[in-house]
PDB file of all heavy atoms in Angstrom:
ATOM      1  N   LYS A   1       0.831  -1.247  -0.017  1.00  0.00           N
ATOM      2  CA  LYS A   1       0.004  -0.039   0.001  1.00  0.00           C
ATOM      3  C   LYS A   1       0.865   1.302  -0.039  1.00  0.00           C
ATOM      4  O   LYS A   1       0.538   2.205  -0.700  1.00  0.00           O
ATOM      5  CB  LYS A   1      -0.868   0.004   1.235  1.00  0.00           C
ATOM      6  CG  LYS A   1      -1.792   1.348   1.324  1.00  0.00           C
ATOM      7  CD  LYS A   1      -2.724   1.208   2.496  1.00  0.00           C
ATOM      8  CE  LYS A   1      -3.539   2.490   2.611  1.00  0.00           C
ATOM      9  NZ  LYS A   1      -4.564   2.457   3.748  1.00  0.00           N
ATOM     10  N   TYR A   2       1.963   1.249   0.769  1.00  0.00           N
ATOM     11  CA  TYR A   2       2.709   2.469   0.905  1.00  0.00           C
ATOM     12  C   TYR A   2       3.943   2.515  -0.021  1.00  0.00           C
ATOM     13  O   TYR A   2       4.715   3.501  -0.011  1.00  0.00           O
ATOM     14  CB  TYR A   2       3.206   2.563   2.329  1.00  0.00           C
ATOM     15  CG  TYR A   2       2.082   2.998   3.308  1.00  0.00           C
ATOM     16  CD1 TYR A   2       1.349   2.094   4.004  1.00  0.00           C
ATOM     17  CD2 TYR A   2       1.755   4.366   3.490  1.00  0.00           C
ATOM     18  CE1 TYR A   2       0.286   2.401   4.794  1.00  0.00           C
ATOM     19  CE2 TYR A   2       0.742   4.741   4.321  1.00  0.00           C
ATOM     20  CZ  TYR A   2      -0.001   3.759   5.002  1.00  0.00           C
ATOM     21  OH  TYR A   2      -1.022   4.117   5.810  1.00  0.00           O
ATOM     22  N   LYS A   3       4.143   1.514  -0.839  1.00  0.00           N
ATOM     23  CA  LYS A   3       5.224   1.518  -1.819  1.00  0.00           C
ATOM     24  C   LYS A   3       4.999   2.758  -2.740  1.00  0.00           C
ATOM     25  O   LYS A   3       3.896   2.932  -3.298  1.00  0.00           O
ATOM     26  CB  LYS A   3       5.248   0.239  -2.601  1.00  0.00           C
ATOM     27  CG  LYS A   3       6.311   0.225  -3.678  1.00  0.00           C
ATOM     28  CD  LYS A   3       6.286  -1.135  -4.428  1.00  0.00           C
ATOM     29  CE  LYS A   3       7.425  -1.229  -5.418  1.00  0.00           C
ATOM     30  NZ  LYS A   3       7.335  -2.532  -6.148  1.00  0.00           N
ATOM     31  N   GLY A   4       5.986   3.551  -2.975  1.00  0.00           N
ATOM     32  CA  GLY A   4       5.868   4.756  -3.722  1.00  0.00           C
ATOM     33  C   GLY A   4       5.414   5.960  -3.058  1.00  0.00           C
ATOM     34  O   GLY A   4       5.471   7.141  -3.523  1.00  0.00           O
ATOM     35  N   ARG A   5       4.866   5.744  -1.807  1.00  0.00           N
ATOM     36  CA  ARG A   5       4.373   6.933  -1.017  1.00  0.00           C
ATOM     37  C   ARG A   5       5.269   7.179   0.155  1.00  0.00           C
ATOM     38  O   ARG A   5       5.341   8.299   0.528  1.00  0.00           O
ATOM     39  CB  ARG A   5       2.942   6.504  -0.444  1.00  0.00           C
ATOM     40  CG  ARG A   5       1.893   6.363  -1.548  1.00  0.00           C
ATOM     41  CD  ARG A   5       0.650   5.721  -1.044  1.00  0.00           C
ATOM     42  NE  ARG A   5       0.042   6.425   0.082  1.00  0.00           N
ATOM     43  CZ  ARG A   5      -0.956   5.980   0.840  1.00  0.00           C
ATOM     44  NH1 ARG A   5      -1.512   4.906   0.539  1.00  0.00           N
ATOM     45  NH2 ARG A   5      -1.406   6.671   1.815  1.00  0.00           N
ATOM     46  N   LYS A   6       5.953   6.156   0.630  1.00  0.00           N
ATOM     47  CA  LYS A   6       6.873   6.312   1.756  1.00  0.00           C
ATOM     48  C   LYS A   6       8.187   5.708   1.427  1.00  0.00           C
ATOM     49  O   LYS A   6       8.250   4.817   0.559  1.00  0.00           O
ATOM     50  CB  LYS A   6       6.345   5.633   3.034  1.00  0.00           C
ATOM     51  CG  LYS A   6       5.034   6.214   3.596  1.00  0.00           C
ATOM     52  CD  LYS A   6       5.139   7.640   4.040  1.00  0.00           C
ATOM     53  CE  LYS A   6       3.783   8.200   4.513  1.00  0.00           C
ATOM     54  NZ  LYS A   6       3.854   9.557   4.937  1.00  0.00           N
ATOM     55  N   LYS A   7       9.300   6.076   2.067  1.00  0.00           N
ATOM     56  CA  LYS A   7      10.607   5.554   1.733  1.00  0.00           C
ATOM     57  C   LYS A   7      10.947   4.320   2.616  1.00  0.00           C
ATOM     58  O   LYS A   7      11.501   3.340   2.104  1.00  0.00           O
ATOM     59  CB  LYS A   7      11.578   6.684   1.900  1.00  0.00           C
ATOM     60  CG  LYS A   7      13.087   6.236   1.808  1.00  0.00           C
ATOM     61  CD  LYS A   7      13.458   5.836   0.474  1.00  0.00           C
ATOM     62  CE  LYS A   7      14.949   5.528   0.374  1.00  0.00           C
ATOM     63  NZ  LYS A   7      15.331   4.959  -0.921  1.00  0.00           N
ATOM     64  N   TRP A   8      10.587   4.369   3.903  1.00  0.00           N
ATOM     65  CA  TRP A   8      11.137   3.355   4.794  1.00  0.00           C
ATOM     66  C   TRP A   8       9.975   2.711   5.683  1.00  0.00           C
ATOM     67  O   TRP A   8       9.018   3.403   6.000  1.00  0.00           O
ATOM     68  CB  TRP A   8      12.103   3.968   5.823  1.00  0.00           C
ATOM     69  CG  TRP A   8      13.291   4.604   5.174  1.00  0.00           C
ATOM     70  CD1 TRP A   8      13.544   5.971   5.005  1.00  0.00           C
ATOM     71  CD2 TRP A   8      14.451   3.941   4.661  1.00  0.00           C
ATOM     72  NE1 TRP A   8      14.769   6.189   4.387  1.00  0.00           N
ATOM     73  CE2 TRP A   8      15.394   4.911   4.163  1.00  0.00           C
ATOM     74  CE3 TRP A   8      14.852   2.596   4.586  1.00  0.00           C
ATOM     75  CZ2 TRP A   8      16.586   4.605   3.663  1.00  0.00           C
ATOM     76  CZ3 TRP A   8      16.066   2.285   4.050  1.00  0.00           C
ATOM     77  CH2 TRP A   8      16.915   3.265   3.546  1.00  0.00           C
ATOM     78  N   LEU A   9      10.189   1.515   6.013  1.00  0.00           N
ATOM     79  CA  LEU A   9       9.372   0.804   7.018  1.00  0.00           C
ATOM     80  C   LEU A   9      10.375   0.365   8.148  1.00  0.00           C
ATOM     81  O   LEU A   9      11.346  -0.260   7.848  1.00  0.00           O
ATOM     82  CB  LEU A   9       8.754  -0.461   6.478  1.00  0.00           C
ATOM     83  CG  LEU A   9       8.038  -1.360   7.473  1.00  0.00           C
ATOM     84  CD1 LEU A   9       6.862  -0.656   8.235  1.00  0.00           C
ATOM     85  CD2 LEU A   9       7.514  -2.627   6.910  1.00  0.00           C
ATOM     86  N   ASP A  10      10.102   0.916   9.245  1.00  0.00           N
ATOM     87  CA  ASP A  10      10.913   0.738  10.511  1.00  0.00           C
ATOM     88  C   ASP A  10      10.175  -0.267  11.409  1.00  0.00           C
ATOM     89  O   ASP A  10       9.182   0.084  12.008  1.00  0.00           O
ATOM     90  CB  ASP A  10      11.264   2.053  11.189  1.00  0.00           C
ATOM     91  CG  ASP A  10      12.058   1.847  12.416  1.00  0.00           C
ATOM     92  OD1 ASP A  10      12.516   0.672  12.765  1.00  0.00           O
ATOM     93  OD2 ASP A  10      12.248   2.838  13.146  1.00  0.00           O
ATOM     94  N   PHE A  11      10.768  -1.466  11.577  1.00  0.00           N
ATOM     95  CA  PHE A  11      10.092  -2.483  12.435  1.00  0.00           C
ATOM     96  C   PHE A  11      10.370  -2.278  13.919  1.00  0.00           C
ATOM     97  O   PHE A  11       9.743  -2.938  14.711  1.00  0.00           O
ATOM     98  CB  PHE A  11      10.639  -3.868  12.040  1.00  0.00           C
ATOM     99  CG  PHE A  11       9.874  -4.561  10.953  1.00  0.00           C
ATOM    100  CD1 PHE A  11      10.481  -4.881   9.736  1.00  0.00           C
ATOM    101  CD2 PHE A  11       8.559  -4.848  11.070  1.00  0.00           C
ATOM    102  CE1 PHE A  11       9.819  -5.497   8.762  1.00  0.00           C
ATOM    103  CE2 PHE A  11       7.835  -5.499  10.059  1.00  0.00           C
ATOM    104  CZ  PHE A  11       8.466  -5.771   8.893  1.00  0.00           C
ATOM    105  N   GLY A  12      11.279  -1.404  14.293  1.00  0.00           N
ATOM    106  CA  GLY A  12      11.655  -1.191  15.646  1.00  0.00           C
ATOM    107  C   GLY A  12      12.711  -2.165  16.146  1.00  0.00           C
ATOM    108  O   GLY A  12      13.091  -3.054  15.448  1.00  0.00           O
ATOM    109  N   ILE A  13      13.116  -1.948  17.413  1.00  0.00           N
ATOM    110  CA  ILE A  13      14.298  -2.637  17.930  1.00  0.00           C
ATOM    111  C   ILE A  13      14.010  -4.072  18.286  1.00  0.00           C
ATOM    112  O   ILE A  13      12.880  -4.425  18.595  1.00  0.00           O
ATOM    113  CB  ILE A  13      14.931  -1.852  19.122  1.00  0.00           C
ATOM    114  CG1 ILE A  13      13.949  -1.873  20.311  1.00  0.00           C
ATOM    115  CG2 ILE A  13      15.296  -0.437  18.763  1.00  0.00           C
ATOM    116  CD1 ILE A  13      14.535  -1.300  21.582  1.00  0.00           C
ATOM    117  N   SER A  14      15.014  -4.888  18.144  1.00  0.00           N
ATOM    118  CA  SER A  14      14.991  -6.278  18.522  1.00  0.00           C
ATOM    119  C   SER A  14      15.934  -6.660  19.645  1.00  0.00           C
ATOM    120  O   SER A  14      16.415  -7.819  19.747  1.00  0.00           O
ATOM    121  CB  SER A  14      15.319  -7.175  17.269  1.00  0.00           C
ATOM    122  OG  SER A  14      14.339  -6.944  16.288  1.00  0.00           O
ATOM    123  N   THR A  15      16.420  -5.659  20.396  1.00  0.00           N
ATOM    124  CA  THR A  15      17.320  -5.880  21.548  1.00  0.00           C
ATOM    125  C   THR A  15      16.516  -5.836  22.815  1.00  0.00           C
ATOM    126  O   THR A  15      15.558  -5.058  22.992  1.00  0.00           O
ATOM    127  CB  THR A  15      18.375  -4.800  21.511  1.00  0.00           C
ATOM    128  OG1 THR A  15      17.878  -3.533  21.130  1.00  0.00           O
ATOM    129  CG2 THR A  15      19.470  -5.191  20.587  1.00  0.00           C
ATOM    130  N   GLU A  16      16.918  -6.586  23.789  1.00  0.00           N
ATOM    131  CA  GLU A  16      16.109  -6.764  24.953  1.00  0.00           C
ATOM    132  C   GLU A  16      17.098  -6.815  26.228  1.00  0.00           C
ATOM    133  O   GLU A  16      18.359  -6.770  26.093  1.00  0.00           O
ATOM    134  CB  GLU A  16      15.336  -8.091  25.030  1.00  0.00           C
ATOM    135  CG  GLU A  16      14.388  -8.151  23.836  1.00  0.00           C
ATOM    136  CD  GLU A  16      13.720  -9.520  23.779  1.00  0.00           C
ATOM    137  OE1 GLU A  16      14.058 -10.439  24.575  1.00  0.00           O
ATOM    138  OE2 GLU A  16      12.848  -9.690  22.889  1.00  0.00           O
ATOM    139  N   HIS A  17      16.502  -6.896  27.441  1.00  0.00           N
ATOM    140  CA  HIS A  17      17.277  -7.053  28.691  1.00  0.00           C
ATOM    141  C   HIS A  17      18.402  -6.064  28.866  1.00  0.00           C
ATOM    142  O   HIS A  17      19.589  -6.382  28.947  1.00  0.00           O
ATOM    143  CB  HIS A  17      17.898  -8.499  28.822  1.00  0.00           C
ATOM    144  CG  HIS A  17      16.892  -9.556  28.596  1.00  0.00           C
ATOM    145  ND1 HIS A  17      15.722  -9.628  29.229  1.00  0.00           N
ATOM    146  CD2 HIS A  17      16.926 -10.678  27.818  1.00  0.00           C
ATOM    147  CE1 HIS A  17      14.996 -10.698  28.858  1.00  0.00           C
ATOM    148  NE2 HIS A  17      15.729 -11.378  27.988  1.00  0.00           N
ATOM    149  N   GLY A  18      17.935  -4.785  28.942  1.00  0.00           N
ATOM    150  CA  GLY A  18      18.932  -3.718  29.068  1.00  0.00           C
ATOM    151  C   GLY A  18      19.642  -3.480  27.743  1.00  0.00           C
ATOM    152  O   GLY A  18      20.702  -2.850  27.729  1.00  0.00           O
ATOM    153  N   ARG A  19      19.095  -3.993  26.645  1.00  0.00           N
ATOM    154  CA  ARG A  19      19.594  -3.801  25.311  1.00  0.00           C
ATOM    155  C   ARG A  19      20.952  -4.420  25.168  1.00  0.00           C
ATOM    156  O   ARG A  19      21.764  -3.974  24.244  1.00  0.00           O
ATOM    157  CB  ARG A  19      19.670  -2.294  25.044  1.00  0.00           C
ATOM    158  CG  ARG A  19      18.302  -1.676  24.818  1.00  0.00           C
ATOM    159  CD  ARG A  19      18.170  -0.309  25.306  1.00  0.00           C
ATOM    160  NE  ARG A  19      16.930   0.275  24.752  1.00  0.00           N
ATOM    161  CZ  ARG A  19      16.561   1.526  25.018  1.00  0.00           C
ATOM    162  NH1 ARG A  19      17.343   2.265  25.783  1.00  0.00           N
ATOM    163  NH2 ARG A  19      15.463   2.017  24.567  1.00  0.00           N
ATOM    164  N   VAL A  20      21.314  -5.481  25.864  1.00  0.00           N
ATOM    165  CA  VAL A  20      22.590  -6.175  25.637  1.00  0.00           C
ATOM    166  C   VAL A  20      22.294  -7.522  24.970  1.00  0.00           C
ATOM    167  O   VAL A  20      23.274  -8.262  24.663  1.00  0.00           O
ATOM    168  CB  VAL A  20      23.315  -6.342  27.010  1.00  0.00           C
ATOM    169  CG1 VAL A  20      23.743  -5.010  27.554  1.00  0.00           C
ATOM    170  CG2 VAL A  20      22.448  -7.186  28.010  1.00  0.00           C
ATOM    171  N   TYR A  21      21.058  -7.888  24.828  1.00  0.00           N
ATOM    172  CA  TYR A  21      20.674  -9.165  24.258  1.00  0.00           C
ATOM    173  C   TYR A  21      19.925  -8.976  22.947  1.00  0.00           C
ATOM    174  O   TYR A  21      18.900  -8.244  22.920  1.00  0.00           O
ATOM    175  CB  TYR A  21      19.788  -9.956  25.236  1.00  0.00           C
ATOM    176  CG  TYR A  21      19.118 -11.217  24.660  1.00  0.00           C
ATOM    177  CD1 TYR A  21      19.825 -12.344  24.393  1.00  0.00           C
ATOM    178  CD2 TYR A  21      17.744 -11.174  24.327  1.00  0.00           C
ATOM    179  CE1 TYR A  21      19.220 -13.477  23.807  1.00  0.00           C
ATOM    180  CE2 TYR A  21      17.182 -12.284  23.802  1.00  0.00           C
ATOM    181  CZ  TYR A  21      17.863 -13.391  23.521  1.00  0.00           C
ATOM    182  OH  TYR A  21      17.284 -14.548  22.926  1.00  0.00           O
ATOM    183  N   LEU A  22      20.452  -9.606  21.838  1.00  0.00           N
ATOM    184  CA  LEU A  22      19.751  -9.567  20.587  1.00  0.00           C
ATOM    185  C   LEU A  22      18.756 -10.753  20.448  1.00  0.00           C
ATOM    186  O   LEU A  22      19.238 -11.925  20.537  1.00  0.00           O
ATOM    187  CB  LEU A  22      20.777  -9.577  19.454  1.00  0.00           C
ATOM    188  CG  LEU A  22      20.157  -9.619  17.998  1.00  0.00           C
ATOM    189  CD1 LEU A  22      19.458  -8.294  17.739  1.00  0.00           C
ATOM    190  CD2 LEU A  22      21.306  -9.854  17.021  1.00  0.00           C
ATOM    191  N   ASN A  23      17.529 -10.471  20.327  1.00  0.00           N
ATOM    192  CA  ASN A  23      16.518 -11.434  20.027  1.00  0.00           C
ATOM    193  C   ASN A  23      16.691 -11.968  18.598  1.00  0.00           C
ATOM    194  O   ASN A  23      16.117 -11.274  17.694  1.00  0.00           O
ATOM    195  CB  ASN A  23      15.161 -10.972  20.320  1.00  0.00           C
ATOM    196  CG  ASN A  23      14.047 -12.041  20.289  1.00  0.00           C
ATOM    197  OD1 ASN A  23      14.140 -13.009  19.521  1.00  0.00           O
ATOM    198  ND2 ASN A  23      13.036 -11.941  21.127  1.00  0.00           N
ATOM    199  N   GLU A  24      17.446 -12.982  18.372  1.00  0.00           N
ATOM    200  CA  GLU A  24      17.806 -13.392  17.025  1.00  0.00           C
ATOM    201  C   GLU A  24      16.589 -13.867  16.252  1.00  0.00           C
ATOM    202  O   GLU A  24      16.514 -13.701  15.042  1.00  0.00           O
ATOM    203  CB  GLU A  24      18.901 -14.469  17.115  1.00  0.00           C
ATOM    204  CG  GLU A  24      20.238 -13.978  17.615  1.00  0.00           C
ATOM    205  CD  GLU A  24      21.298 -15.019  17.657  1.00  0.00           C
ATOM    206  OE1 GLU A  24      20.982 -16.220  17.247  1.00  0.00           O
ATOM    207  OE2 GLU A  24      22.480 -14.709  18.047  1.00  0.00           O
ATOM    208  N   GLY A  25      15.662 -14.499  16.906  1.00  0.00           N
ATOM    209  CA  GLY A  25      14.490 -15.027  16.265  1.00  0.00           C
ATOM    210  C   GLY A  25      13.612 -13.903  15.823  1.00  0.00           C
ATOM    211  O   GLY A  25      13.091 -13.863  14.625  1.00  0.00           O
ATOM    212  N   LEU A  26      13.458 -12.837  16.658  1.00  0.00           N
ATOM    213  CA  LEU A  26      12.665 -11.675  16.284  1.00  0.00           C
ATOM    214  C   LEU A  26      13.257 -10.948  15.122  1.00  0.00           C
ATOM    215  O   LEU A  26      12.570 -10.601  14.125  1.00  0.00           O
ATOM    216  CB  LEU A  26      12.489 -10.790  17.473  1.00  0.00           C
ATOM    217  CG  LEU A  26      11.719  -9.464  17.247  1.00  0.00           C
ATOM    218  CD1 LEU A  26      10.231  -9.816  16.904  1.00  0.00           C
ATOM    219  CD2 LEU A  26      11.695  -8.646  18.562  1.00  0.00           C
ATOM    220  N   ILE A  27      14.557 -10.707  15.153  1.00  0.00           N
ATOM    221  CA  ILE A  27      15.163  -9.844  14.073  1.00  0.00           C
ATOM    222  C   ILE A  27      15.214 -10.645  12.771  1.00  0.00           C
ATOM    223  O   ILE A  27      15.090 -10.143  11.686  1.00  0.00           O
ATOM    224  CB  ILE A  27      16.547  -9.300  14.475  1.00  0.00           C
ATOM    225  CG1 ILE A  27      16.935  -8.173  13.665  1.00  0.00           C
ATOM    226  CG2 ILE A  27      17.682 -10.447  14.455  1.00  0.00           C
ATOM    227  CD1 ILE A  27      18.160  -7.402  14.085  1.00  0.00           C
ATOM    228  N   ALA A  28      15.384 -11.969  12.857  1.00  0.00           N
ATOM    229  CA  ALA A  28      15.355 -12.835  11.654  1.00  0.00           C
ATOM    230  C   ALA A  28      14.037 -12.805  10.994  1.00  0.00           C
ATOM    231  O   ALA A  28      13.933 -12.748   9.761  1.00  0.00           O
ATOM    232  CB  ALA A  28      15.785 -14.282  11.998  1.00  0.00           C
ATOM    233  N   GLN A  29      12.949 -12.772  11.827  1.00  0.00           N
ATOM    234  CA  GLN A  29      11.590 -12.650  11.220  1.00  0.00           C
ATOM    235  C   GLN A  29      11.454 -11.304  10.472  1.00  0.00           C
ATOM    236  O   GLN A  29      10.827 -11.289   9.415  1.00  0.00           O
ATOM    237  CB  GLN A  29      10.609 -12.747  12.312  1.00  0.00           C
ATOM    238  CG  GLN A  29       9.141 -12.611  11.806  1.00  0.00           C
ATOM    239  CD  GLN A  29       8.133 -12.509  12.950  1.00  0.00           C
ATOM    240  OE1 GLN A  29       8.499 -12.150  14.128  1.00  0.00           O
ATOM    241  NE2 GLN A  29       6.869 -12.918  12.693  1.00  0.00           N
ATOM    242  N   LYS A  30      11.928 -10.242  11.053  1.00  0.00           N
ATOM    243  CA  LYS A  30      11.812  -8.949  10.363  1.00  0.00           C
ATOM    244  C   LYS A  30      12.712  -8.904   9.132  1.00  0.00           C
ATOM    245  O   LYS A  30      12.268  -8.388   8.048  1.00  0.00           O
ATOM    246  CB  LYS A  30      12.287  -7.860  11.360  1.00  0.00           C
ATOM    247  CG  LYS A  30      11.338  -7.703  12.648  1.00  0.00           C
ATOM    248  CD  LYS A  30      11.958  -6.747  13.609  1.00  0.00           C
ATOM    249  CE  LYS A  30      11.060  -6.649  14.859  1.00  0.00           C
ATOM    250  NZ  LYS A  30      11.656  -5.779  15.909  1.00  0.00           N
ATOM    251  N   GLU A  31      13.856  -9.469   9.223  1.00  0.00           N
ATOM    252  CA  GLU A  31      14.778  -9.451   8.065  1.00  0.00           C
ATOM    253  C   GLU A  31      14.171 -10.300   6.939  1.00  0.00           C
ATOM    254  O   GLU A  31      14.485 -10.012   5.686  1.00  0.00           O
ATOM    255  CB  GLU A  31      16.134 -10.055   8.435  1.00  0.00           C
ATOM    256  CG  GLU A  31      16.925  -9.156   9.403  1.00  0.00           C
ATOM    257  CD  GLU A  31      18.204  -9.834   9.987  1.00  0.00           C
ATOM    258  OE1 GLU A  31      18.185 -11.179  10.021  1.00  0.00           O
ATOM    259  OE2 GLU A  31      19.109  -9.126  10.422  1.00  0.00           O
ATOM    260  N   SER A  32      13.372 -11.255   7.188  1.00  0.00           N
ATOM    261  CA  SER A  32      12.842 -12.146   6.217  1.00  0.00           C
ATOM    262  C   SER A  32      11.866 -11.397   5.242  1.00  0.00           C
ATOM    263  O   SER A  32      11.542 -11.913   4.171  1.00  0.00           O
ATOM    264  CB  SER A  32      12.105 -13.361   6.841  1.00  0.00           C
ATOM    265  OG  SER A  32      11.018 -12.980   7.490  1.00  0.00           O
ATOM    266  N   PHE A  33      11.398 -10.223   5.687  1.00  0.00           N
ATOM    267  CA  PHE A  33      10.543  -9.422   4.771  1.00  0.00           C
ATOM    268  C   PHE A  33      11.349  -8.549   3.820  1.00  0.00           C
ATOM    269  O   PHE A  33      10.781  -7.864   2.948  1.00  0.00           O
ATOM    270  CB  PHE A  33       9.675  -8.521   5.695  1.00  0.00           C
ATOM    271  CG  PHE A  33       8.473  -9.108   6.389  1.00  0.00           C
ATOM    272  CD1 PHE A  33       8.623  -9.563   7.598  1.00  0.00           C
ATOM    273  CD2 PHE A  33       7.304  -9.364   5.644  1.00  0.00           C
ATOM    274  CE1 PHE A  33       7.554 -10.208   8.292  1.00  0.00           C
ATOM    275  CE2 PHE A  33       6.219  -9.999   6.240  1.00  0.00           C
ATOM    276  CZ  PHE A  33       6.349 -10.431   7.573  1.00  0.00           C
ATOM    277  N   GLY A  34      12.657  -8.636   3.945  1.00  0.00           N
ATOM    278  CA  GLY A  34      13.583  -7.909   3.051  1.00  0.00           C
ATOM    279  C   GLY A  34      14.248  -6.680   3.768  1.00  0.00           C
ATOM    280  O   GLY A  34      14.485  -5.670   3.083  1.00  0.00           O
ATOM    281  N   GLY A  35      14.366  -6.791   5.071  1.00  0.00           N
ATOM    282  CA  GLY A  35      14.990  -5.685   5.786  1.00  0.00           C
ATOM    283  C   GLY A  35      16.407  -5.815   6.170  1.00  0.00           C
ATOM    284  O   GLY A  35      17.030  -7.023   6.122  1.00  0.00           O
ATOM    285  N   ARG A  36      17.011  -4.772   6.550  1.00  0.00           N
ATOM    286  CA  ARG A  36      18.466  -4.767   7.004  1.00  0.00           C
ATOM    287  C   ARG A  36      18.510  -3.945   8.274  1.00  0.00           C
ATOM    288  O   ARG A  36      17.567  -3.142   8.625  1.00  0.00           O
ATOM    289  CB  ARG A  36      19.380  -4.134   5.968  1.00  0.00           C
ATOM    290  CG  ARG A  36      19.432  -4.938   4.660  1.00  0.00           C
ATOM    291  CD  ARG A  36      20.245  -6.205   4.825  1.00  0.00           C
ATOM    292  NE  ARG A  36      21.675  -5.999   5.150  1.00  0.00           N
ATOM    293  CZ  ARG A  36      22.591  -5.788   4.173  1.00  0.00           C
ATOM    294  NH1 ARG A  36      22.300  -5.756   2.902  1.00  0.00           N
ATOM    295  NH2 ARG A  36      23.840  -5.525   4.612  1.00  0.00           N
ATOM    296  N   THR A  37      19.545  -4.134   8.983  1.00  0.00           N
ATOM    297  CA  THR A  37      19.716  -3.449  10.297  1.00  0.00           C
ATOM    298  C   THR A  37      20.016  -1.967  10.183  1.00  0.00           C
ATOM    299  O   THR A  37      20.865  -1.559   9.436  1.00  0.00           O
ATOM    300  CB  THR A  37      20.785  -4.080  11.105  1.00  0.00           C
ATOM    301  OG1 THR A  37      20.426  -5.448  11.421  1.00  0.00           O
ATOM    302  CG2 THR A  37      21.056  -3.395  12.453  1.00  0.00           C
ATOM    303  N   GLY A  38      19.288  -1.190  10.955  1.00  0.00           N
ATOM    304  CA  GLY A  38      19.583   0.201  11.265  1.00  0.00           C
ATOM    305  C   GLY A  38      19.689   0.394  12.780  1.00  0.00           C
ATOM    306  O   GLY A  38      19.126  -0.431  13.547  1.00  0.00           O
ATOM    307  N   VAL A  39      20.341   1.368  13.246  1.00  0.00           N
ATOM    308  CA  VAL A  39      20.686   1.444  14.680  1.00  0.00           C
ATOM    309  C   VAL A  39      20.064   2.718  15.300  1.00  0.00           C
ATOM    310  O   VAL A  39      19.958   3.779  14.666  1.00  0.00           O
ATOM    311  CB  VAL A  39      22.122   1.386  15.014  1.00  0.00           C
ATOM    312  CG1 VAL A  39      22.737   0.093  14.486  1.00  0.00           C
ATOM    313  CG2 VAL A  39      22.908   2.576  14.379  1.00  0.00           C
ATOM    314  N   TYR A  40      19.768   2.619  16.619  1.00  0.00           N
ATOM    315  CA  TYR A  40      19.324   3.664  17.419  1.00  0.00           C
ATOM    316  C   TYR A  40      20.485   3.818  18.411  1.00  0.00           C
ATOM    317  O   TYR A  40      20.800   2.889  19.152  1.00  0.00           O
ATOM    318  CB  TYR A  40      18.038   3.339  18.199  1.00  0.00           C
ATOM    319  CG  TYR A  40      16.838   3.270  17.438  1.00  0.00           C
ATOM    320  CD1 TYR A  40      16.730   3.064  16.092  1.00  0.00           C
ATOM    321  CD2 TYR A  40      15.505   3.492  18.077  1.00  0.00           C
ATOM    322  CE1 TYR A  40      15.499   2.997  15.360  1.00  0.00           C
ATOM    323  CE2 TYR A  40      14.314   3.519  17.351  1.00  0.00           C
ATOM    324  CZ  TYR A  40      14.310   3.153  15.983  1.00  0.00           C
ATOM    325  OH  TYR A  40      13.139   3.210  15.338  1.00  0.00           O
ATOM    326  N   GLU A  41      21.045   5.023  18.500  1.00  0.00           N
ATOM    327  CA  GLU A  41      22.162   5.306  19.437  1.00  0.00           C
ATOM    328  C   GLU A  41      21.794   6.083  20.677  1.00  0.00           C
ATOM    329  O   GLU A  41      21.017   7.031  20.522  1.00  0.00           O
ATOM    330  CB  GLU A  41      23.278   6.079  18.623  1.00  0.00           C
ATOM    331  CG  GLU A  41      23.874   5.318  17.492  1.00  0.00           C
ATOM    332  CD  GLU A  41      24.798   6.205  16.697  1.00  0.00           C
ATOM    333  OE1 GLU A  41      24.958   7.426  17.013  1.00  0.00           O
ATOM    334  OE2 GLU A  41      25.556   5.657  15.822  1.00  0.00           O
TER     335      GLU A  41
END
């Protein structure tokens, strides 16, 4: 629906437990839609 209308889809963070643990299953699910990692600093 938003292709051509918006540039980016941001799935949000996949880090947990004080942001030191990467939920690998969660981020893999998001990546499977055609996504790559971006960071929040």
